[in-house]
């Protein structure tokens, strides 16, 4: 992961176009950190941080397909969190209430 973060930093410096260049660098780094986690729940939580940075960059750059992709990524992450974290938690609570009743 450290190598990837270093590469992202180097390429940001090479292609520097002002502070705008920090947005894709931040998005790439946050994505790399998120997918390096071992806990799927942490991956889902951390993966919410990168799409807004990429969306802003794509909006400023005028890339409508890029904006669409980032919205899809964000929605996908939110659906995954709902399905695997929140919905499952409710099921477990319901089962425990039924057992205790």
PDB file of N, CA and C in Angstrom:
ATOM      1  N   UNK A   1       0.820  -1.174   0.000  1.00  0.00           N
ATOM      2  CA  UNK A   1       0.000   0.000   0.000  1.00  0.00           C
ATOM      3  C   UNK A   1       0.878   1.258   0.000  1.00  0.00           C
ATOM      4  N   UNK A   2       1.953   1.225   0.766  1.00  0.00           N
ATOM      5  CA  UNK A   2       2.842   2.379   0.824  1.00  0.00           C
ATOM      6  C   UNK A   2       3.399   2.711  -0.561  1.00  0.00           C
ATOM      7  N   UNK A   3       3.700   1.685  -1.333  1.00  0.00           N
ATOM      8  CA  UNK A   3       4.201   1.897  -2.685  1.00  0.00           C
ATOM      9  C   UNK A   3       3.146   2.597  -3.549  1.00  0.00           C
ATOM     10  N   UNK A   4       1.904   2.141  -3.462  1.00  0.00           N
ATOM     11  CA  UNK A   4       0.846   2.752  -4.246  1.00  0.00           C
ATOM     12  C   UNK A   4       0.635   4.214  -3.838  1.00  0.00           C
ATOM     13  N   UNK A   5       0.655   4.487  -2.543  1.00  0.00           N
ATOM     14  CA  UNK A   5       0.496   5.864  -2.078  1.00  0.00           C
ATOM     15  C   UNK A   5       1.640   6.746  -2.568  1.00  0.00           C
ATOM     16  N   UNK A   6       2.840   6.184  -2.572  1.00  0.00           N
ATOM     17  CA  UNK A   6       4.001   6.938  -3.077  1.00  0.00           C
ATOM     18  C   UNK A   6       3.862   7.203  -4.576  1.00  0.00           C
ATOM     19  N   UNK A   7       3.425   6.206  -5.325  1.00  0.00           N
ATOM     20  CA  UNK A   7       3.237   6.365  -6.770  1.00  0.00           C
ATOM     21  C   UNK A   7       2.177   7.424  -7.054  1.00  0.00           C
ATOM     22  N   UNK A   8       1.081   7.395  -6.305  1.00  0.00           N
ATOM     23  CA  UNK A   8       0.031   8.402  -6.488  1.00  0.00           C
ATOM     24  C   UNK A   8       0.572   9.797  -6.212  1.00  0.00           C
ATOM     25  N   UNK A   9       1.408   9.921  -5.202  1.00  0.00           N
ATOM     26  CA  UNK A   9       2.002  11.224  -4.877  1.00  0.00           C
ATOM     27  C   UNK A   9       2.937  11.699  -5.986  1.00  0.00           C
ATOM     28  N   UNK A  10       3.766  10.791  -6.488  1.00  0.00           N
ATOM     29  CA  UNK A  10       4.705  11.154  -7.552  1.00  0.00           C
ATOM     30  C   UNK A  10       3.954  11.588  -8.808  1.00  0.00           C
ATOM     31  N   UNK A  11       2.940  10.826  -9.209  1.00  0.00           N
ATOM     32  CA  UNK A  11       2.196  11.191 -10.411  1.00  0.00           C
ATOM     33  C   UNK A  11       1.403  12.477 -10.226  1.00  0.00           C
ATOM     34  N   UNK A  12       0.980  12.743  -9.003  1.00  0.00           N
ATOM     35  CA  UNK A  12       0.317  14.022  -8.751  1.00  0.00           C
ATOM     36  C   UNK A  12       1.292  15.165  -8.961  1.00  0.00           C
ATOM     37  N   UNK A  13       2.516  15.001  -8.481  1.00  0.00           N
ATOM     38  CA  UNK A  13       3.530  16.043  -8.685  1.00  0.00           C
ATOM     39  C   UNK A  13       3.873  16.225 -10.168  1.00  0.00           C
ATOM     40  N   UNK A  14       3.964  15.102 -10.884  1.00  0.00           N
ATOM     41  CA  UNK A  14       4.308  15.161 -12.315  1.00  0.00           C
ATOM     42  C   UNK A  14       3.214  15.867 -13.114  1.00  0.00           C
ATOM     43  N   UNK A  15       1.957  15.616 -12.767  1.00  0.00           N
ATOM     44  CA  UNK A  15       0.833  16.170 -13.532  1.00  0.00           C
ATOM     45  C   UNK A  15       0.188  17.361 -12.822  1.00  0.00           C
ATOM     46  N   UNK A  16       0.888  17.993 -11.926  1.00  0.00           N
ATOM     47  CA  UNK A  16       0.352  19.064 -11.085  1.00  0.00           C
ATOM     48  C   UNK A  16      -0.309  20.172 -11.916  1.00  0.00           C
ATOM     49  N   UNK A  17      -1.552  20.479 -11.552  1.00  0.00           N
ATOM     50  CA  UNK A  17      -2.280  21.581 -12.195  1.00  0.00           C
ATOM     51  C   UNK A  17      -2.916  22.462 -11.118  1.00  0.00           C
ATOM     52  N   UNK A  18      -2.233  22.605 -10.022  1.00  0.00           N
ATOM     53  CA  UNK A  18      -2.747  23.406  -8.925  1.00  0.00           C
ATOM     54  C   UNK A  18      -3.456  22.547  -7.892  1.00  0.00           C
ATOM     55  N   UNK A  19      -4.160  23.218  -6.999  1.00  0.00           N
ATOM     56  CA  UNK A  19      -4.828  22.500  -5.908  1.00  0.00           C
ATOM     57  C   UNK A  19      -5.858  21.484  -6.398  1.00  0.00           C
ATOM     58  N   UNK A  20      -6.362  21.682  -7.606  1.00  0.00           N
ATOM     59  CA  UNK A  20      -7.307  20.732  -8.194  1.00  0.00           C
ATOM     60  C   UNK A  20      -6.707  19.329  -8.264  1.00  0.00           C
ATOM     61  N   UNK A  21      -5.409  19.220  -8.410  1.00  0.00           N
ATOM     62  CA  UNK A  21      -4.733  17.921  -8.511  1.00  0.00           C
ATOM     63  C   UNK A  21      -4.802  17.123  -7.218  1.00  0.00           C
ATOM     64  N   UNK A  22      -5.079  17.790  -6.114  1.00  0.00           N
ATOM     65  CA  UNK A  22      -5.158  17.080  -4.840  1.00  0.00           C
ATOM     66  C   UNK A  22      -6.425  16.232  -4.723  1.00  0.00           C
ATOM     67  N   UNK A  23      -7.470  16.601  -5.469  1.00  0.00           N
ATOM     68  CA  UNK A  23      -8.714  15.833  -5.398  1.00  0.00           C
ATOM     69  C   UNK A  23      -8.554  14.396  -5.900  1.00  0.00           C
ATOM     70  N   UNK A  24      -8.050  14.168  -7.121  1.00  0.00           N
ATOM     71  CA  UNK A  24      -7.890  12.778  -7.557  1.00  0.00           C
ATOM     72  C   UNK A  24      -6.833  12.034  -6.741  1.00  0.00           C
ATOM     73  N   UNK A  25      -5.805  12.740  -6.291  1.00  0.00           N
ATOM     74  CA  UNK A  25      -4.806  12.080  -5.454  1.00  0.00           C
ATOM     75  C   UNK A  25      -5.449  11.594  -4.156  1.00  0.00           C
ATOM     76  N   UNK A  26      -6.235  12.454  -3.541  1.00  0.00           N
ATOM     77  CA  UNK A  26      -6.926  12.067  -2.307  1.00  0.00           C
ATOM     78  C   UNK A  26      -7.889  10.916  -2.542  1.00  0.00           C
ATOM     79  N   UNK A  27      -8.630  10.970  -3.648  1.00  0.00           N
ATOM     80  CA  UNK A  27      -9.568   9.896  -3.973  1.00  0.00           C
ATOM     81  C   UNK A  27      -8.854   8.571  -4.200  1.00  0.00           C
ATOM     82  N   UNK A  28      -7.745   8.614  -4.920  1.00  0.00           N
ATOM     83  CA  UNK A  28      -6.980   7.384  -5.177  1.00  0.00           C
ATOM     84  C   UNK A  28      -6.400   6.826  -3.887  1.00  0.00           C
ATOM     85  N   UNK A  29      -5.881   7.705  -3.047  1.00  0.00           N
ATOM     86  CA  UNK A  29      -5.284   7.241  -1.795  1.00  0.00           C
ATOM     87  C   UNK A  29      -6.334   6.682  -0.840  1.00  0.00           C
ATOM     88  N   UNK A  30      -7.462   7.359  -0.741  1.00  0.00           N
ATOM     89  CA  UNK A  30      -8.522   6.856   0.140  1.00  0.00           C
ATOM     90  C   UNK A  30      -9.054   5.511  -0.353  1.00  0.00           C
ATOM     91  N   UNK A  31      -9.177   5.369  -1.669  1.00  0.00           N
ATOM     92  CA  UNK A  31      -9.611   4.086  -2.225  1.00  0.00           C
ATOM     93  C   UNK A  31      -8.615   2.974  -1.927  1.00  0.00           C
ATOM     94  N   UNK A  32      -7.332   3.271  -2.060  1.00  0.00           N
ATOM     95  CA  UNK A  32      -6.299   2.274  -1.776  1.00  0.00           C
ATOM     96  C   UNK A  32      -6.312   1.881  -0.302  1.00  0.00           C
ATOM     97  N   UNK A  33      -6.464   2.852   0.560  1.00  0.00           N
ATOM     98  CA  UNK A  33      -6.509   2.566   2.001  1.00  0.00           C
ATOM     99  C   UNK A  33      -7.749   1.749   2.330  1.00  0.00           C
ATOM    100  N   UNK A  34      -8.878   2.095   1.723  1.00  0.00           N
ATOM    101  CA  UNK A  34     -10.123   1.370   1.995  1.00  0.00           C
ATOM    102  C   UNK A  34     -10.014  -0.093   1.598  1.00  0.00           C
ATOM    103  N   UNK A  35      -9.511  -0.350   0.409  1.00  0.00           N
ATOM    104  CA  UNK A  35      -9.484  -1.727  -0.075  1.00  0.00           C
ATOM    105  C   UNK A  35      -8.313  -2.536   0.473  1.00  0.00           C
ATOM    106  N   UNK A  36      -7.495  -1.921   1.262  1.00  0.00           N
ATOM    107  CA  UNK A  36      -6.405  -2.631   1.934  1.00  0.00           C
ATOM    108  C   UNK A  36      -6.863  -3.204   3.288  1.00  0.00           C
ATOM    109  N   UNK A  37      -8.029  -2.777   3.754  1.00  0.00           N
ATOM    110  CA  UNK A  37      -8.541  -3.227   5.041  1.00  0.00           C
ATOM    111  C   UNK A  37      -8.948  -4.698   4.961  1.00  0.00           C
ATOM    112  N   UNK A  38      -8.897  -5.358   6.094  1.00  0.00           N
ATOM    113  CA  UNK A  38      -9.282  -6.774   6.141  1.00  0.00           C
ATOM    114  C   UNK A  38     -10.746  -6.961   6.515  1.00  0.00           C
ATOM    115  N   UNK A  39     -11.290  -6.029   7.270  1.00  0.00           N
ATOM    116  CA  UNK A  39     -12.682  -6.113   7.710  1.00  0.00           C
ATOM    117  C   UNK A  39     -13.597  -5.539   6.625  1.00  0.00           C
ATOM    118  N   UNK A  40     -14.509  -6.352   6.074  1.00  0.00           N
ATOM    119  CA  UNK A  40     -15.394  -5.864   5.008  1.00  0.00           C
ATOM    120  C   UNK A  40     -16.207  -4.640   5.432  1.00  0.00           C
ATOM    121  N   UNK A  41     -16.583  -4.583   6.685  1.00  0.00           N
ATOM    122  CA  UNK A  41     -17.345  -3.437   7.173  1.00  0.00           C
ATOM    123  C   UNK A  41     -16.506  -2.155   7.067  1.00  0.00           C
ATOM    124  N   UNK A  42     -15.223  -2.246   7.410  1.00  0.00           N
ATOM    125  CA  UNK A  42     -14.340  -1.084   7.298  1.00  0.00           C
ATOM    126  C   UNK A  42     -14.126  -0.694   5.839  1.00  0.00           C
ATOM    127  N   UNK A  43     -14.041  -1.687   4.963  1.00  0.00           N
ATOM    128  CA  UNK A  43     -13.900  -1.397   3.532  1.00  0.00           C
ATOM    129  C   UNK A  43     -15.106  -0.590   3.063  1.00  0.00           C
ATOM    130  N   UNK A  44     -16.299  -1.032   3.448  1.00  0.00           N
ATOM    131  CA  UNK A  44     -17.511  -0.326   3.030  1.00  0.00           C
ATOM    132  C   UNK A  44     -17.547   1.086   3.601  1.00  0.00           C
ATOM    133  N   UNK A  45     -17.146   1.245   4.846  1.00  0.00           N
ATOM    134  CA  UNK A  45     -17.181   2.578   5.471  1.00  0.00           C
ATOM    135  C   UNK A  45     -16.162   3.517   4.833  1.00  0.00           C
ATOM    136  N   UNK A  46     -14.939   3.043   4.659  1.00  0.00           N
ATOM    137  CA  UNK A  46     -13.894   3.901   4.102  1.00  0.00           C
ATOM    138  C   UNK A  46     -14.095   4.183   2.614  1.00  0.00           C
ATOM    139  N   UNK A  47     -14.774   3.275   1.928  1.00  0.00           N
ATOM    140  CA  UNK A  47     -14.984   3.488   0.491  1.00  0.00           C
ATOM    141  C   UNK A  47     -15.984   4.612   0.220  1.00  0.00           C
ATOM    142  N   UNK A  48     -16.628   5.119   1.244  1.00  0.00           N
ATOM    143  CA  UNK A  48     -17.528   6.261   1.069  1.00  0.00           C
ATOM    144  C   UNK A  48     -16.771   7.577   0.930  1.00  0.00           C
ATOM    145  N   UNK A  49     -15.509   7.601   1.310  1.00  0.00           N
ATOM    146  CA  UNK A  49     -14.746   8.847   1.319  1.00  0.00           C
ATOM    147  C   UNK A  49     -14.214   9.241  -0.057  1.00  0.00           C
ATOM    148  N   UNK A  50     -13.884   8.292  -0.901  1.00  0.00           N
ATOM    149  CA  UNK A  50     -13.254   8.601  -2.189  1.00  0.00           C
ATOM    150  C   UNK A  50     -14.204   9.175  -3.248  1.00  0.00           C
ATOM    151  N   UNK A  51     -15.408   8.635  -3.445  1.00  0.00           N
ATOM    152  CA  UNK A  51     -16.267   9.140  -4.520  1.00  0.00           C
ATOM    153  C   UNK A  51     -16.578  10.643  -4.479  1.00  0.00           C
ATOM    154  N   UNK A  52     -16.804  11.254  -3.303  1.00  0.00           N
ATOM    155  CA  UNK A  52     -17.047  12.701  -3.337  1.00  0.00           C
ATOM    156  C   UNK A  52     -15.863  13.494  -3.893  1.00  0.00           C
ATOM    157  N   UNK A  53     -14.644  13.080  -3.574  1.00  0.00           N
ATOM    158  CA  UNK A  53     -13.472  13.778  -4.108  1.00  0.00           C
ATOM    159  C   UNK A  53     -13.403  13.645  -5.626  1.00  0.00           C
ATOM    160  N   UNK A  54     -13.612  12.426  -6.106  1.00  0.00           N
ATOM    161  CA  UNK A  54     -13.588  12.204  -7.551  1.00  0.00           C
ATOM    162  C   UNK A  54     -14.742  12.932  -8.233  1.00  0.00           C
ATOM    163  N   UNK A  55     -15.914  12.962  -7.593  1.00  0.00           N
ATOM    164  CA  UNK A  55     -17.075  13.644  -8.173  1.00  0.00           C
ATOM    165  C   UNK A  55     -16.783  15.130  -8.354  1.00  0.00           C
ATOM    166  N   UNK A  56     -16.236  15.761  -7.323  1.00  0.00           N
ATOM    167  CA  UNK A  56     -15.908  17.187  -7.408  1.00  0.00           C
ATOM    168  C   UNK A  56     -14.896  17.436  -8.518  1.00  0.00           C
ATOM    169  N   UNK A  57     -13.868  16.582  -8.575  1.00  0.00           N
ATOM    170  CA  UNK A  57     -12.858  16.726  -9.632  1.00  0.00           C
ATOM    171  C   UNK A  57     -13.492  16.597 -11.013  1.00  0.00           C
ATOM    172  N   UNK A  58     -14.343  15.577 -11.189  1.00  0.00           N
ATOM    173  CA  UNK A  58     -14.995  15.376 -12.485  1.00  0.00           C
ATOM    174  C   UNK A  58     -15.941  16.525 -12.826  1.00  0.00           C
ATOM    175  N   UNK A  59     -16.625  17.074 -11.825  1.00  0.00           N
ATOM    176  CA  UNK A  59     -17.535  18.190 -12.063  1.00  0.00           C
ATOM    177  C   UNK A  59     -16.752  19.420 -12.527  1.00  0.00           C
ATOM    178  N   UNK A  60     -15.650  19.713 -11.854  1.00  0.00           N
ATOM    179  CA  UNK A  60     -14.829  20.867 -12.239  1.00  0.00           C
ATOM    180  C   UNK A  60     -14.218  20.655 -13.623  1.00  0.00           C
ATOM    181  N   UNK A  61     -13.842  19.410 -13.920  1.00  0.00           N
ATOM    182  CA  UNK A  61     -13.225  19.092 -15.217  1.00  0.00           C
ATOM    183  C   UNK A  61     -14.246  18.956 -16.332  1.00  0.00           C
ATOM    184  N   UNK A  62     -15.527  18.900 -15.976  1.00  0.00           N
ATOM    185  CA  UNK A  62     -16.576  18.764 -16.985  1.00  0.00           C
ATOM    186  C   UNK A  62     -16.770  17.353 -17.488  1.00  0.00           C
ATOM    187  N   UNK A  63     -16.395  16.363 -16.689  1.00  0.00           N
ATOM    188  CA  UNK A  63     -16.533  14.967 -17.095  1.00  0.00           C
ATOM    189  C   UNK A  63     -17.843  14.392 -16.541  1.00  0.00           C
ATOM    190  N   UNK A  64     -18.900  14.461 -17.353  1.00  0.00           N
ATOM    191  CA  UNK A  64     -20.191  13.946 -16.912  1.00  0.00           C
ATOM    192  C   UNK A  64     -20.187  12.424 -16.732  1.00  0.00           C
ATOM    193  N   UNK A  65     -19.527  11.666 -17.617  1.00  0.00           N
ATOM    194  CA  UNK A  65     -19.453  10.215 -17.363  1.00  0.00           C
ATOM    195  C   UNK A  65     -18.729   9.906 -16.043  1.00  0.00           C
ATOM    196  N   UNK A  66     -17.683  10.648 -15.740  1.00  0.00           N
ATOM    197  CA  UNK A  66     -16.972  10.448 -14.482  1.00  0.00           C
ATOM    198  C   UNK A  66     -17.856  10.748 -13.288  1.00  0.00           C
ATOM    199  N   UNK A  67     -18.659  11.801 -13.400  1.00  0.00           N
ATOM    200  CA  UNK A  67     -19.587  12.137 -12.323  1.00  0.00           C
ATOM    201  C   UNK A  67     -20.605  11.016 -12.130  1.00  0.00           C
ATOM    202  N   UNK A  68     -21.112  10.487 -13.238  1.00  0.00           N
ATOM    203  CA  UNK A  68     -22.078   9.391 -13.165  1.00  0.00           C
ATOM    204  C   UNK A  68     -21.473   8.170 -12.477  1.00  0.00           C
ATOM    205  N   UNK A  69     -20.240   7.837 -12.838  1.00  0.00           N
ATOM    206  CA  UNK A  69     -19.566   6.676 -12.236  1.00  0.00           C
ATOM    207  C   UNK A  69     -19.414   6.860 -10.731  1.00  0.00           C
ATOM    208  N   UNK A  70     -19.053   8.049 -10.299  1.00  0.00           N
ATOM    209  CA  UNK A  70     -18.860   8.280  -8.867  1.00  0.00           C
ATOM    210  C   UNK A  70     -20.173   8.238  -8.097  1.00  0.00           C
ATOM    211  N   UNK A  71     -21.246   8.717  -8.703  1.00  0.00           N
ATOM    212  CA  UNK A  71     -22.560   8.597  -8.059  1.00  0.00           C
ATOM    213  C   UNK A  71     -22.923   7.121  -7.943  1.00  0.00           C
ATOM    214  N   UNK A  72     -22.676   6.356  -9.002  1.00  0.00           N
ATOM    215  CA  UNK A  72     -22.958   4.914  -8.961  1.00  0.00           C
ATOM    216  C   UNK A  72     -22.118   4.218  -7.888  1.00  0.00           C
ATOM    217  N   UNK A  73     -20.855   4.600  -7.772  1.00  0.00           N
ATOM    218  CA  UNK A  73     -19.992   4.008  -6.741  1.00  0.00           C
ATOM    219  C   UNK A  73     -20.499   4.338  -5.342  1.00  0.00           C
ATOM    220  N   UNK A  74     -20.904   5.568  -5.130  1.00  0.00           N
ATOM    221  CA  UNK A  74     -21.398   5.990  -3.823  1.00  0.00           C
ATOM    222  C   UNK A  74     -22.689   5.267  -3.483  1.00  0.00           C
ATOM    223  N   UNK A  75     -23.603   5.186  -4.429  1.00  0.00           N
ATOM    224  CA  UNK A  75     -24.869   4.481  -4.207  1.00  0.00           C
ATOM    225  C   UNK A  75     -24.595   3.006  -3.931  1.00  0.00           C
ATOM    226  N   UNK A  76     -23.691   2.417  -4.681  1.00  0.00           N
ATOM    227  CA  UNK A  76     -23.337   1.015  -4.478  1.00  0.00           C
ATOM    228  C   UNK A  76     -22.786   0.782  -3.069  1.00  0.00           C
ATOM    229  N   UNK A  77     -21.930   1.674  -2.611  1.00  0.00           N
ATOM    230  CA  UNK A  77     -21.374   1.542  -1.262  1.00  0.00           C
ATOM    231  C   UNK A  77     -22.462   1.687  -0.205  1.00  0.00           C
ATOM    232  N   UNK A  78     -23.367   2.623  -0.416  1.00  0.00           N
ATOM    233  CA  UNK A  78     -24.456   2.812   0.545  1.00  0.00           C
ATOM    234  C   UNK A  78     -25.392   1.606   0.579  1.00  0.00           C
ATOM    235  N   UNK A  79     -25.701   1.036  -0.588  1.00  0.00           N
ATOM    236  CA  UNK A  79     -26.544  -0.157  -0.649  1.00  0.00           C
ATOM    237  C   UNK A  79     -25.847  -1.322   0.061  1.00  0.00           C
ATOM    238  N   UNK A  80     -24.551  -1.466  -0.174  1.00  0.00           N
ATOM    239  CA  UNK A  80     -23.795  -2.525   0.500  1.00  0.00           C
ATOM    240  C   UNK A  80     -23.812  -2.362   2.006  1.00  0.00           C
ATOM    241  N   UNK A  81     -23.659  -1.138   2.473  1.00  0.00           N
ATOM    242  CA  UNK A  81     -23.715  -0.913   3.916  1.00  0.00           C
ATOM    243  C   UNK A  81     -25.086  -1.247   4.463  1.00  0.00           C
ATOM    244  N   UNK A  82     -26.130  -0.848   3.756  1.00  0.00           N
ATOM    245  CA  UNK A  82     -27.481  -1.155   4.219  1.00  0.00           C
ATOM    246  C   UNK A  82     -27.704  -2.667   4.274  1.00  0.00           C
ATOM    247  N   UNK A  83     -27.351  -3.346   3.187  1.00  0.00           N
ATOM    248  CA  UNK A  83     -27.590  -4.801   3.115  1.00  0.00           C
ATOM    249  C   UNK A  83     -26.803  -5.591   4.145  1.00  0.00           C
ATOM    250  N   UNK A  84     -25.511  -5.291   4.260  1.00  0.00           N
ATOM    251  CA  UNK A  84     -24.647  -6.134   5.068  1.00  0.00           C
ATOM    252  C   UNK A  84     -24.446  -5.644   6.489  1.00  0.00           C
ATOM    253  N   UNK A  85     -24.693  -4.382   6.755  1.00  0.00           N
ATOM    254  CA  UNK A  85     -24.446  -3.865   8.096  1.00  0.00           C
ATOM    255  C   UNK A  85     -25.743  -3.566   8.841  1.00  0.00           C
ATOM    256  N   UNK A  86     -26.593  -2.738   8.262  1.00  0.00           N
ATOM    257  CA  UNK A  86     -27.772  -2.279   8.981  1.00  0.00           C
ATOM    258  C   UNK A  86     -28.923  -3.277   8.928  1.00  0.00           C
ATOM    259  N   UNK A  87     -29.209  -3.814   7.762  1.00  0.00           N
ATOM    260  CA  UNK A  87     -30.314  -4.762   7.612  1.00  0.00           C
ATOM    261  C   UNK A  87     -30.035  -6.036   8.402  1.00  0.00           C
ATOM    262  N   UNK A  88     -28.809  -6.519   8.350  1.00  0.00           N
ATOM    263  CA  UNK A  88     -28.424  -7.726   9.066  1.00  0.00           C
ATOM    264  C   UNK A  88     -28.523  -7.504  10.574  1.00  0.00           C
ATOM    265  N   UNK A  89     -28.145  -6.322  11.034  1.00  0.00           N
ATOM    266  CA  UNK A  89     -28.222  -6.001  12.455  1.00  0.00           C
ATOM    267  C   UNK A  89     -29.658  -6.083  12.944  1.00  0.00           C
ATOM    268  N   UNK A  90     -30.581  -5.580  12.134  1.00  0.00           N
ATOM    269  CA  UNK A  90     -32.006  -5.633  12.502  1.00  0.00           C
ATOM    270  C   UNK A  90     -32.487  -7.069  12.609  1.00  0.00           C
ATOM    271  N   UNK A  91     -32.073  -7.933  11.669  1.00  0.00           N
ATOM    272  CA  UNK A  91     -32.472  -9.332  11.707  1.00  0.00           C
ATOM    273  C   UNK A  91     -31.976 -10.005  12.979  1.00  0.00           C
ATOM    274  N   UNK A  92     -30.729  -9.739  13.333  1.00  0.00           N
ATOM    275  CA  UNK A  92     -30.152 -10.347  14.531  1.00  0.00           C
ATOM    276  C   UNK A  92     -30.920  -9.879  15.762  1.00  0.00           C
ATOM    277  N   UNK A  93     -31.255  -8.604  15.841  1.00  0.00           N
ATOM    278  CA  UNK A  93     -32.011  -8.086  16.981  1.00  0.00           C
ATOM    279  C   UNK A  93     -33.380  -8.740  17.063  1.00  0.00           C
ATOM    280  N   UNK A  94     -34.052  -8.906  15.923  1.00  0.00           N
ATOM    281  CA  UNK A  94     -35.373  -9.542  15.907  1.00  0.00           C
ATOM    282  C   UNK A  94     -35.289 -10.986  16.399  1.00  0.00           C
ATOM    283  N   UNK A  95     -34.281 -11.718  15.946  1.00  0.00           N
ATOM    284  CA  UNK A  95     -34.123 -13.101  16.383  1.00  0.00           C
ATOM    285  C   UNK A  95     -33.879 -13.177  17.884  1.00  0.00           C
ATOM    286  N   UNK A  96     -33.086 -12.260  18.407  1.00  0.00           N
ATOM    287  CA  UNK A  96     -32.784 -12.257  19.839  1.00  0.00           C
ATOM    288  C   UNK A  96     -34.040 -11.929  20.639  1.00  0.00           C
ATOM    289  N   UNK A  97     -34.871 -11.021  20.148  1.00  0.00           N
ATOM    290  CA  UNK A  97     -36.106 -10.671  20.840  1.00  0.00           C
ATOM    291  C   UNK A  97     -37.049 -11.871  20.845  1.00  0.00           C
ATOM    292  N   UNK A  98     -37.134 -12.580  19.728  1.00  0.00           N
ATOM    293  CA  UNK A  98     -37.998 -13.765  19.632  1.00  0.00           C
ATOM    294  C   UNK A  98     -37.519 -14.867  20.586  1.00  0.00           C
ATOM    295  N   UNK A  99     -36.215 -15.049  20.676  1.00  0.00           N
ATOM    296  CA  UNK A  99     -35.670 -16.084  21.578  1.00  0.00           C
ATOM    297  C   UNK A  99     -35.931 -15.750  23.038  1.00  0.00           C
ATOM    298  N   UNK A 100     -35.847 -14.477  23.376  1.00  0.00           N
ATOM    299  CA  UNK A 100     -36.033 -14.053  24.749  1.00  0.00           C
ATOM    300  C   UNK A 100     -37.496 -13.999  25.161  1.00  0.00           C
ATOM    301  N   UNK A 101     -38.397 -13.999  24.178  1.00  0.00           N
ATOM    302  CA  UNK A 101     -39.828 -13.881  24.495  1.00  0.00           C
ATOM    303  C   UNK A 101     -40.426 -15.186  24.911  1.00  0.00           C
TER     304      UNK A 101
END
